[in-house]
């Protein structure tokens, strides 16, 4: 009689452990699928970002325009300050 109870308890324990392992395995597979979807989304996003960078030539042209504009402003300010500081 005792052996039947031990076998029943051991069998029930194995059934519960099998169910727990199946639940864990299903969760892992689900996470792997979601991870692959996220990888695809990140890859697509990175492809979009790469196309939006400013080209070096355009940046150099823009920087040169800003530099020229700042030089003109500086000359104008120097002229104004020089005119104010001159004695009449």
Protein backbone atom coordinates (compact mmCIF):
# COMPACT_ATOMS: atom_id res chain seq x y z
CA UNK A 1 0.00 0.00 0.00
CA UNK A 2 2.76 2.43 0.83
CA UNK A 3 4.42 1.88 -2.55
CA UNK A 4 1.22 2.83 -4.39
CA UNK A 5 0.98 6.12 -2.45
CA UNK A 6 4.63 6.91 -3.13
CA UNK A 7 4.18 6.12 -6.84
CA UNK A 8 1.05 8.28 -6.99
CA UNK A 9 2.75 11.23 -5.29
CA UNK A 10 5.84 10.87 -7.50
CA UNK A 11 3.67 10.64 -10.65
CA UNK A 12 1.63 13.71 -9.64
CA UNK A 13 4.86 15.60 -8.96
CA UNK A 14 6.19 14.69 -12.41
CA UNK A 15 2.93 15.76 -14.06
CA UNK A 16 3.09 19.15 -12.30
CA UNK A 17 6.78 19.60 -13.20
CA UNK A 18 6.03 18.69 -16.83
CA UNK A 19 3.25 21.27 -16.94
CA UNK A 20 5.52 23.94 -15.39
CA UNK A 21 8.29 23.18 -17.90
CA UNK A 22 5.79 23.38 -20.79
CA UNK A 23 4.56 26.78 -19.60
CA UNK A 24 8.14 28.04 -19.28
CA UNK A 25 9.06 26.67 -22.71
CA UNK A 26 6.02 28.32 -24.33
CA UNK A 27 6.96 31.63 -22.70
CA UNK A 28 10.51 31.35 -24.02
CA UNK A 29 9.30 30.63 -27.55
CA UNK A 30 6.88 33.56 -27.36
CA UNK A 31 9.68 35.87 -26.23
CA UNK A 32 11.91 34.67 -29.06
CA UNK A 33 9.21 35.49 -31.60
CA UNK A 34 8.69 38.96 -30.12
CA UNK A 35 12.45 39.50 -30.02
CA UNK A 36 12.73 38.70 -33.72
CA UNK A 37 9.89 41.14 -34.47
CA UNK A 38 11.66 43.88 -32.47
CA UNK A 39 14.91 43.18 -34.31
CA UNK A 40 13.13 43.67 -37.63
CA UNK A 41 11.56 46.92 -36.39
CA UNK A 42 14.91 48.27 -35.18
CA UNK A 43 16.55 47.29 -38.47
CA UNK A 44 13.85 49.09 -40.46
CA UNK A 45 14.16 52.15 -38.23
CA UNK A 46 17.93 52.24 -38.62
CA UNK A 47 17.53 52.08 -42.40
CA UNK A 48 15.24 55.14 -42.22
CA UNK A 49 17.69 57.09 -40.06
CA UNK A 50 20.68 56.39 -42.28
CA UNK A 51 19.04 58.12 -45.23
CA UNK A 52 18.43 61.37 -43.33
CA UNK A 53 22.01 62.38 -42.56
CA UNK A 54 23.33 65.65 -43.97
CA UNK A 55 25.89 65.17 -46.69
CA UNK A 56 29.36 66.62 -46.01
CA UNK A 57 29.20 68.95 -49.03
CA UNK A 58 25.91 70.50 -47.91
CA UNK A 59 27.21 70.90 -44.38
CA UNK A 60 30.39 72.61 -45.61
CA UNK A 61 28.34 74.98 -47.80
CA UNK A 62 26.03 75.81 -44.90
CA UNK A 63 28.95 76.35 -42.51
CA UNK A 64 30.63 78.66 -45.03
CA UNK A 65 27.40 80.68 -45.44
CA UNK A 66 27.04 81.04 -41.65
CA UNK A 67 30.69 82.03 -41.31
CA UNK A 68 30.31 84.73 -43.99
CA UNK A 69 27.15 86.05 -42.35
CA UNK A 70 28.85 86.23 -38.94
CA UNK A 71 31.83 88.02 -40.48
CA UNK A 72 29.51 90.64 -41.99
CA UNK A 73 27.75 91.10 -38.64
CA UNK A 74 31.10 91.47 -36.89
CA UNK A 75 32.28 94.09 -39.42
CA UNK A 76 29.01 95.96 -39.05
CA UNK A 77 29.29 95.97 -35.26
CA UNK A 78 32.92 97.08 -35.41
CA UNK A 79 31.94 99.92 -37.75
CA UNK A 80 29.09 101.00 -35.46
CA UNK A 81 31.29 100.88 -32.36
CA UNK A 82 34.05 102.75 -34.16
CA UNK A 83 31.63 105.50 -35.23
CA UNK A 84 30.30 105.92 -31.69
CA UNK A 85 33.74 106.08 -30.10
CA UNK A 86 35.06 108.74 -32.50
CA UNK A 87 35.29 112.19 -31.01
CA UNK A 88 33.32 114.81 -32.95
